[in-house]
Amino acid sequence: MTVTAQLPAETSADGAFVRQAYTIRDRISADGSTGFRAEPGRYHLYVSLACPWAHRTIIVRRLLGLEDTISLSVVDPIRDERGWAFRDGDGHSRDSVNGFAFLSEAYLITDPHYTGRYTVPCVWDRVRGRLVTNNFPDITIDLETQFGAFQRAGAPELYPAPLRAEIDAVSALIYDDVNNGVYKAGFATSQAAYERAVDALFARLDWLEERLARQRFLVGDQLTEADIRLFPTLVRFDAVYYGHFKCNLRRLVDYPNLWGYARDLYARPGFGDTVNFDHIKRHYYMTHEKLNPSRIVPKGPLADWDAPHGRDTQA
C-alpha cells in the first residue's frame, strides 16, 4: 500500500496557513434517513488524545454517556510520514475493530482514490465497512442531537434548539480566530501572515475574557457545544501554542477570567479526565520537525489546573 506523506500544513502564496477540506461528510441520523442510523454498537470513533478536534468528540461522548454505544480507538501521538498509527502504549493501543496498523487504511478502504491527509477524529461504520465522516464539526453535533435514545439519564443538553443560533455564531468566531487561529500562526511561512493570525487570535481572546467576566459559560447559563469547542484549545495553549506556535503575546494564565473558566471546565468529569498532557506535548514537539528540529519536548509549563477556579458564583 502506498501511503501519502502527511504534511502538517499547506500555505497560500502569501504564506498563510490553509486547512484542507474535510471531504468524507455523511451524517448519522436518528431515523436513518441519511443512510446511517444511530444505533448502539454500530459506530467506532478513531481519535488522538493530542488532537484538539478529536478531543471535543471524546468530551461529548463522555458527557452524554455514550461509551457503551460508540466504541473508541486511540492512535499513537507520534505521527510520521505514514500518518497516524495504532500501537500498544501508554494511553493508546491497537485498533480493536479492524486491526488496522495505520489510520490511512480506513480512508483508503472508504475511498481508494483518497489523496488528502488522514485526519482524526473520524467515525467508522461497522455495518457498511467504511468511514462515515471525518468532518469534525458534524461529529459532536450528531452525537448531541441524533443519539438521544442512548444518552445517559440526566445527560446535559449541549446543543439546545433555542440557543443554536448563538452557539453557532460564537463557535464560528472561536474557530476562525482561536481554534484554527493558533494553527494559522504556527504554520505561517511569512511574517505578515503570522502577525495577522496572532493579532486576530489575541483580539478574540481579549473578547472572550470580557465576555466571561459577565457569565460563567459562553452561551446562556449552561454548558454548551460552544464551551466544548473552546476548551481543547485553551488546555493546550500554554503547554504548546504559546511556545511551539509562537502565540506568545500572553499566556492563558495571564487572563483571569479565561484561566478561571478553563479550570472550571477542567474540574468537570469529561474534561480534565480526558486531558493527556504527555500525548499533547509529545505529538506537537516531536511531529512538527520544521518547527522543532531537535524534537526535544519541554518539561513545562508548571500550572495548577486543580486550583480553585472561583467560577461557582459567576452569574
Protein backbone atom coordinates (compact mmCIF):
# COMPACT_ATOMS: atom_id res chain seq x y z
CA MET A 1 0.00 0.00 0.00
CA THR A 2 1.34 3.43 -0.94
CA VAL A 3 0.81 5.93 1.86
CA THR A 4 0.67 9.63 1.12
CA ALA A 5 3.10 11.67 3.20
CA GLN A 6 1.36 13.57 5.98
CA LEU A 7 2.43 17.19 5.79
CA PRO A 8 1.48 19.29 8.85
CA ALA A 9 0.08 22.16 6.84
CA GLU A 10 -0.42 23.81 3.48
CA THR A 11 0.15 27.51 2.85
CA SER A 12 -1.12 30.04 0.34
CA ALA A 13 1.06 32.17 -1.91
CA ASP A 14 1.32 34.84 0.81
CA GLY A 15 2.44 32.34 3.45
CA ALA A 16 -0.91 31.91 5.21
CA PHE A 17 -1.95 28.54 6.62
CA VAL A 18 -4.72 26.79 4.68
CA ARG A 19 -6.53 23.89 6.32
CA GLN A 20 -7.54 21.10 3.96
CA ALA A 21 -11.22 20.48 3.25
CA TYR A 22 -12.78 17.52 5.04
CA THR A 23 -14.34 15.51 2.25
CA ILE A 24 -15.93 12.47 3.96
CA ARG A 25 -19.10 14.15 5.18
CA ASP A 26 -22.01 11.78 5.60
CA ARG A 27 -24.24 12.29 8.62
CA ILE A 28 -25.73 9.95 11.20
CA SER A 29 -29.46 10.37 11.85
CA ALA A 30 -31.84 9.04 14.48
CA ASP A 31 -34.32 7.83 11.85
CA GLY A 32 -31.75 6.54 9.37
CA SER A 33 -32.84 8.98 6.66
CA THR A 34 -29.19 9.78 5.90
CA GLY A 35 -28.37 6.12 5.30
CA PHE A 36 -26.56 5.89 8.64
CA ARG A 37 -28.96 5.19 11.51
CA ALA A 38 -27.96 5.96 15.10
CA GLU A 39 -27.63 2.51 16.66
CA PRO A 40 -25.71 1.12 19.63
CA GLY A 41 -22.58 -0.80 18.70
CA ARG A 42 -22.57 0.25 15.05
CA TYR A 43 -20.06 3.11 15.09
CA HIS A 44 -16.42 3.32 16.11
CA LEU A 45 -14.60 6.57 16.78
CA TYR A 46 -10.92 6.95 15.85
CA VAL A 47 -9.21 9.69 17.90
CA SER A 48 -5.93 11.09 19.12
CA LEU A 49 -5.61 12.37 22.68
CA ALA A 50 -3.25 15.01 21.32
CA CYS A 51 -5.61 16.44 18.68
CA PRO A 52 -7.94 19.26 19.80
CA TRP A 53 -10.53 18.39 17.14
CA ALA A 54 -10.65 14.79 18.36
CA HIS A 55 -10.63 15.87 22.00
CA ARG A 56 -14.00 17.56 21.66
CA THR A 57 -15.56 14.29 20.45
CA ILE A 58 -14.09 12.43 23.44
CA ILE A 59 -15.57 15.03 25.81
CA VAL A 60 -19.05 14.84 24.27
CA ARG A 61 -19.03 11.03 24.21
CA ARG A 62 -18.18 11.04 27.93
CA LEU A 63 -20.64 13.77 28.94
CA LEU A 64 -23.52 12.06 27.16
CA GLY A 65 -22.68 8.60 28.47
CA LEU A 66 -22.23 7.10 25.02
CA GLU A 67 -19.18 4.98 25.86
CA ASP A 68 -21.15 1.72 25.53
CA THR A 69 -22.91 2.94 22.38
CA ILE A 70 -19.89 4.16 20.40
CA SER A 71 -16.55 2.38 20.80
CA LEU A 72 -13.23 4.17 20.52
CA SER A 73 -9.61 3.61 19.46
CA VAL A 74 -6.73 5.96 20.29
CA VAL A 75 -3.79 6.38 17.92
CA ASP A 76 -0.14 6.78 18.88
CA PRO A 77 0.58 10.50 19.44
CA ILE A 78 3.73 10.33 17.31
CA ARG A 79 2.71 10.73 13.68
CA ASP A 80 5.28 10.21 10.90
CA GLU A 81 5.17 10.31 7.10
CA ARG A 82 2.82 7.31 7.15
CA GLY A 83 0.25 9.15 9.25
CA TRP A 84 -1.44 8.15 12.50
CA ALA A 85 -0.56 4.63 13.69
CA PHE A 86 -2.12 2.11 16.07
CA ARG A 87 0.45 0.76 18.52
CA ASP A 88 0.34 -0.55 22.06
CA GLY A 89 1.44 2.07 24.55
CA ASP A 90 0.53 4.35 27.43
CA GLY A 91 -2.89 5.78 26.57
CA HIS A 92 -3.07 4.30 23.06
CA SER A 93 -3.44 0.81 21.65
CA ARG A 94 -4.02 -1.39 18.64
CA ASP A 95 -7.17 -0.95 16.55
CA SER A 96 -9.69 -3.25 18.23
CA VAL A 97 -12.25 -3.22 15.40
CA ASN A 98 -10.43 -3.65 12.11
CA GLY A 99 -6.89 -4.45 13.15
CA PHE A 100 -5.56 -1.54 11.11
CA ALA A 101 -1.90 -0.68 11.60
CA PHE A 102 -2.42 2.85 10.24
CA LEU A 103 -5.45 5.11 10.07
CA SER A 104 -4.78 5.52 6.35
CA GLU A 105 -6.21 2.04 5.83
CA ALA A 106 -9.66 3.22 6.94
CA TYR A 107 -9.50 6.11 4.48
CA LEU A 108 -8.33 4.02 1.54
CA ILE A 109 -10.97 1.34 2.14
CA THR A 110 -13.58 4.10 2.14
CA ASP A 111 -12.13 5.73 -0.98
CA PRO A 112 -9.26 4.00 -2.82
CA HIS A 113 -8.56 7.30 -4.60
CA TYR A 114 -8.35 9.41 -1.44
CA THR A 115 -5.35 11.77 -1.55
CA GLY A 116 -5.91 14.06 1.44
CA ARG A 117 -4.41 13.87 4.90
CA TYR A 118 -5.60 11.07 7.15
CA THR A 119 -7.15 13.02 9.99
CA VAL A 120 -8.74 12.38 13.36
CA PRO A 121 -11.44 12.31 14.51
CA CYS A 122 -13.29 10.09 12.11
CA VAL A 123 -16.20 7.69 12.51
CA TRP A 124 -16.20 4.11 11.19
CA ASP A 125 -19.41 2.24 10.36
CA ARG A 126 -19.18 -1.48 11.17
CA VAL A 127 -22.27 -2.27 9.07
CA ARG A 128 -21.12 -0.71 5.81
CA GLY A 129 -17.40 -1.19 6.42
CA ARG A 130 -16.38 2.39 5.70
CA LEU A 131 -15.87 5.79 7.27
CA VAL A 132 -18.98 7.88 7.74
CA THR A 133 -17.30 11.23 8.31
CA ASN A 134 -14.05 12.98 9.10
CA ASN A 135 -15.75 16.39 9.33
CA PHE A 136 -15.13 17.13 12.99
CA PRO A 137 -17.77 19.89 13.47
CA ASP A 138 -20.53 17.46 12.46
CA ILE A 139 -19.47 14.61 14.72
CA THR A 140 -20.26 16.24 18.07
CA ILE A 141 -23.48 17.77 16.74
CA ASP A 142 -24.69 14.35 15.61
CA LEU A 143 -23.79 12.79 18.97
CA GLU A 144 -25.74 15.53 20.73
CA THR A 145 -28.82 15.55 18.51
CA GLN A 146 -29.20 12.08 16.96
CA PHE A 147 -28.22 9.71 19.79
CA GLY A 148 -30.74 10.93 22.36
CA ALA A 149 -32.22 7.45 22.81
CA PHE A 150 -28.85 6.15 24.01
CA GLN A 151 -27.65 9.02 26.16
CA ARG A 152 -27.40 8.53 29.91
CA ALA A 153 -30.19 9.69 32.15
CA GLY A 154 -29.70 13.32 33.05
CA ALA A 155 -27.18 13.96 30.24
CA PRO A 156 -26.69 17.67 29.56
CA GLU A 157 -28.37 19.21 26.53
CA LEU A 158 -25.31 20.58 24.78
CA TYR A 159 -26.99 21.93 21.64
CA PRO A 160 -30.42 23.14 22.77
CA ALA A 161 -32.62 24.42 19.96
CA PRO A 162 -33.30 27.87 21.50
CA LEU A 163 -29.56 28.59 21.75
CA ARG A 164 -28.34 27.06 18.49
CA ALA A 165 -28.10 30.30 16.52
CA GLU A 166 -25.95 31.92 19.22
CA ILE A 167 -23.89 28.75 19.74
CA ASP A 168 -23.17 28.60 16.02
CA ALA A 169 -22.26 32.29 15.83
CA VAL A 170 -19.91 32.16 18.82
CA SER A 171 -18.41 28.87 17.64
CA ALA A 172 -17.66 30.35 14.21
CA LEU A 173 -15.71 33.22 15.76
CA ILE A 174 -13.83 30.87 18.06
CA TYR A 175 -12.98 28.52 15.21
CA ASP A 176 -11.62 31.15 12.85
CA ASP A 177 -9.61 33.18 15.35
CA VAL A 178 -8.75 30.72 18.14
CA ASN A 179 -9.15 27.01 17.30
CA ASN A 180 -7.73 27.44 13.81
CA GLY A 181 -6.04 30.72 14.65
CA VAL A 182 -3.24 29.06 16.61
CA TYR A 183 -2.51 26.89 13.57
CA LYS A 184 -2.58 29.93 11.27
CA ALA A 185 0.09 31.48 13.49
CA GLY A 186 2.14 28.32 13.96
CA PHE A 187 2.28 27.26 10.32
CA ALA A 188 2.54 30.69 8.69
CA THR A 189 5.54 30.99 6.41
CA SER A 190 5.63 34.78 6.16
CA GLN A 191 5.92 37.44 8.84
CA ALA A 192 2.80 39.23 7.61
CA ALA A 193 0.63 36.11 7.68
CA TYR A 194 1.92 35.20 11.14
CA GLU A 195 1.21 38.66 12.56
CA ARG A 196 -2.31 38.73 11.09
CA ALA A 197 -3.08 35.42 12.75
CA VAL A 198 -1.58 36.37 16.12
CA ASP A 199 -3.32 39.75 16.20
CA ALA A 200 -6.69 38.13 15.42
CA LEU A 201 -6.07 35.40 17.98
CA PHE A 202 -5.37 37.73 20.86
CA ALA A 203 -8.10 40.16 19.90
CA ARG A 204 -10.53 37.24 20.15
CA LEU A 205 -9.03 36.04 23.46
CA ASP A 206 -9.49 39.58 24.80
CA TRP A 207 -13.12 39.46 23.60
CA LEU A 208 -13.64 36.12 25.33
CA GLU A 209 -12.04 37.44 28.53
CA GLU A 210 -14.54 40.29 28.60
CA ARG A 211 -17.48 38.01 27.78
CA LEU A 212 -16.56 35.59 30.56
CA ALA A 213 -16.37 38.43 33.07
CA ARG A 214 -20.16 38.65 32.76
CA GLN A 215 -21.17 34.99 32.55
CA ARG A 216 -19.96 31.56 33.59
CA PHE A 217 -20.34 29.91 30.17
CA LEU A 218 -20.05 31.15 26.61
CA VAL A 219 -23.74 30.94 25.69
CA GLY A 220 -26.62 31.24 28.12
CA ASP A 221 -26.31 29.99 31.66
CA GLN A 222 -25.39 26.40 30.82
CA LEU A 223 -22.61 24.29 29.36
CA THR A 224 -22.99 24.02 25.57
CA GLU A 225 -21.23 22.88 22.41
CA ALA A 226 -19.52 26.29 22.28
CA ASP A 227 -17.66 25.64 25.54
CA ILE A 228 -16.61 22.19 24.33
CA ARG A 229 -15.15 23.73 21.17
CA LEU A 230 -13.10 26.30 23.10
CA PHE A 231 -11.76 24.11 25.92
CA PRO A 232 -9.38 21.86 23.89
CA THR A 233 -7.54 24.91 22.54
CA LEU A 234 -7.31 26.55 25.96
CA VAL A 235 -5.98 23.44 27.66
CA ARG A 236 -3.20 23.20 25.04
CA PHE A 237 -2.42 26.91 24.94
CA ASP A 238 0.37 27.38 27.46
CA ALA A 239 1.76 23.86 27.01
CA VAL A 240 2.06 24.01 23.21
CA TYR A 241 0.69 27.01 21.33
CA TYR A 242 2.39 29.73 23.38
CA GLY A 243 5.89 28.50 22.51
CA HIS A 244 5.69 25.95 19.71
CA PHE A 245 3.27 28.03 17.59
CA LYS A 246 4.71 31.42 18.69
CA CYS A 247 1.40 32.57 20.20
CA ASN A 248 3.32 34.37 22.91
CA LEU A 249 1.76 37.78 23.46
CA ARG A 250 0.11 36.45 26.62
CA ARG A 251 -0.39 33.08 28.29
CA LEU A 252 -3.74 31.61 29.27
CA VAL A 253 -2.79 32.11 32.94
CA ASP A 254 -2.47 35.85 32.25
CA TYR A 255 -6.23 36.07 31.59
CA PRO A 256 -8.07 35.93 34.96
CA ASN A 257 -11.49 35.05 33.55
CA LEU A 258 -10.33 32.69 30.79
CA TRP A 259 -7.95 30.89 33.17
CA GLY A 260 -10.67 30.52 35.80
CA TYR A 261 -13.16 29.39 33.15
CA ALA A 262 -10.72 26.80 31.79
CA ARG A 263 -10.13 25.39 35.30
CA ASP A 264 -13.88 25.37 35.93
CA LEU A 265 -14.32 23.11 32.90
CA TYR A 266 -11.22 21.06 33.72
CA ALA A 267 -12.70 20.17 37.11
CA ARG A 268 -15.79 18.61 35.50
CA PRO A 269 -15.93 14.89 34.64
CA GLY A 270 -15.34 14.51 30.92
CA PHE A 271 -12.96 17.46 30.67
CA GLY A 272 -9.89 17.20 32.90
CA ASP A 273 -10.00 13.41 32.96
CA THR A 274 -9.77 13.34 29.16
CA VAL A 275 -6.69 15.60 29.01
CA ASN A 276 -3.36 13.84 28.40
CA PHE A 277 -0.55 16.39 28.52
CA ASP A 278 2.04 13.73 27.70
CA HIS A 279 0.33 12.87 24.41
CA ILE A 280 -0.27 16.56 23.65
CA LYS A 281 3.32 17.68 24.14
CA ARG A 282 4.97 14.66 22.54
CA HIS A 283 2.75 14.93 19.48
CA TYR A 284 3.35 18.60 18.76
CA TYR A 285 7.02 18.81 19.67
CA MET A 286 8.04 15.50 18.08
CA THR A 287 5.88 15.58 14.95
CA HIS A 288 6.45 19.06 13.53
CA GLU A 289 10.10 18.69 12.55
CA LYS A 290 10.29 22.04 10.74
CA LEU A 291 9.11 23.88 13.84
CA ASN A 292 11.16 21.85 16.30
CA PRO A 293 14.07 20.11 14.50
CA SER A 294 15.60 18.81 17.76
CA ARG A 295 12.29 17.17 18.73
CA ILE A 296 13.07 17.99 22.35
CA VAL A 297 9.89 18.02 24.45
CA PRO A 298 9.87 20.79 27.09
CA LYS A 299 9.27 19.86 30.72
CA GLY A 300 6.98 22.79 31.47
CA PRO A 301 4.98 24.78 31.95
CA LEU A 302 4.05 24.39 35.60
CA ALA A 303 0.37 25.24 36.06
CA ASP A 304 -2.04 24.21 38.80
CA TRP A 305 -5.11 23.12 36.86
CA ASP A 306 -6.68 21.86 40.08
CA ALA A 307 -6.53 25.23 41.86
CA PRO A 308 -9.93 26.64 42.92
CA HIS A 309 -11.44 28.45 39.96
CA GLY A 310 -13.89 30.72 41.77
CA ARG A 311 -16.47 30.49 38.98
CA ASP A 312 -19.15 28.81 41.09
CA THR A 313 -20.83 32.10 41.94
CA GLN A 314 -20.48 33.58 38.45
CA ALA A 315 -23.75 34.94 37.09
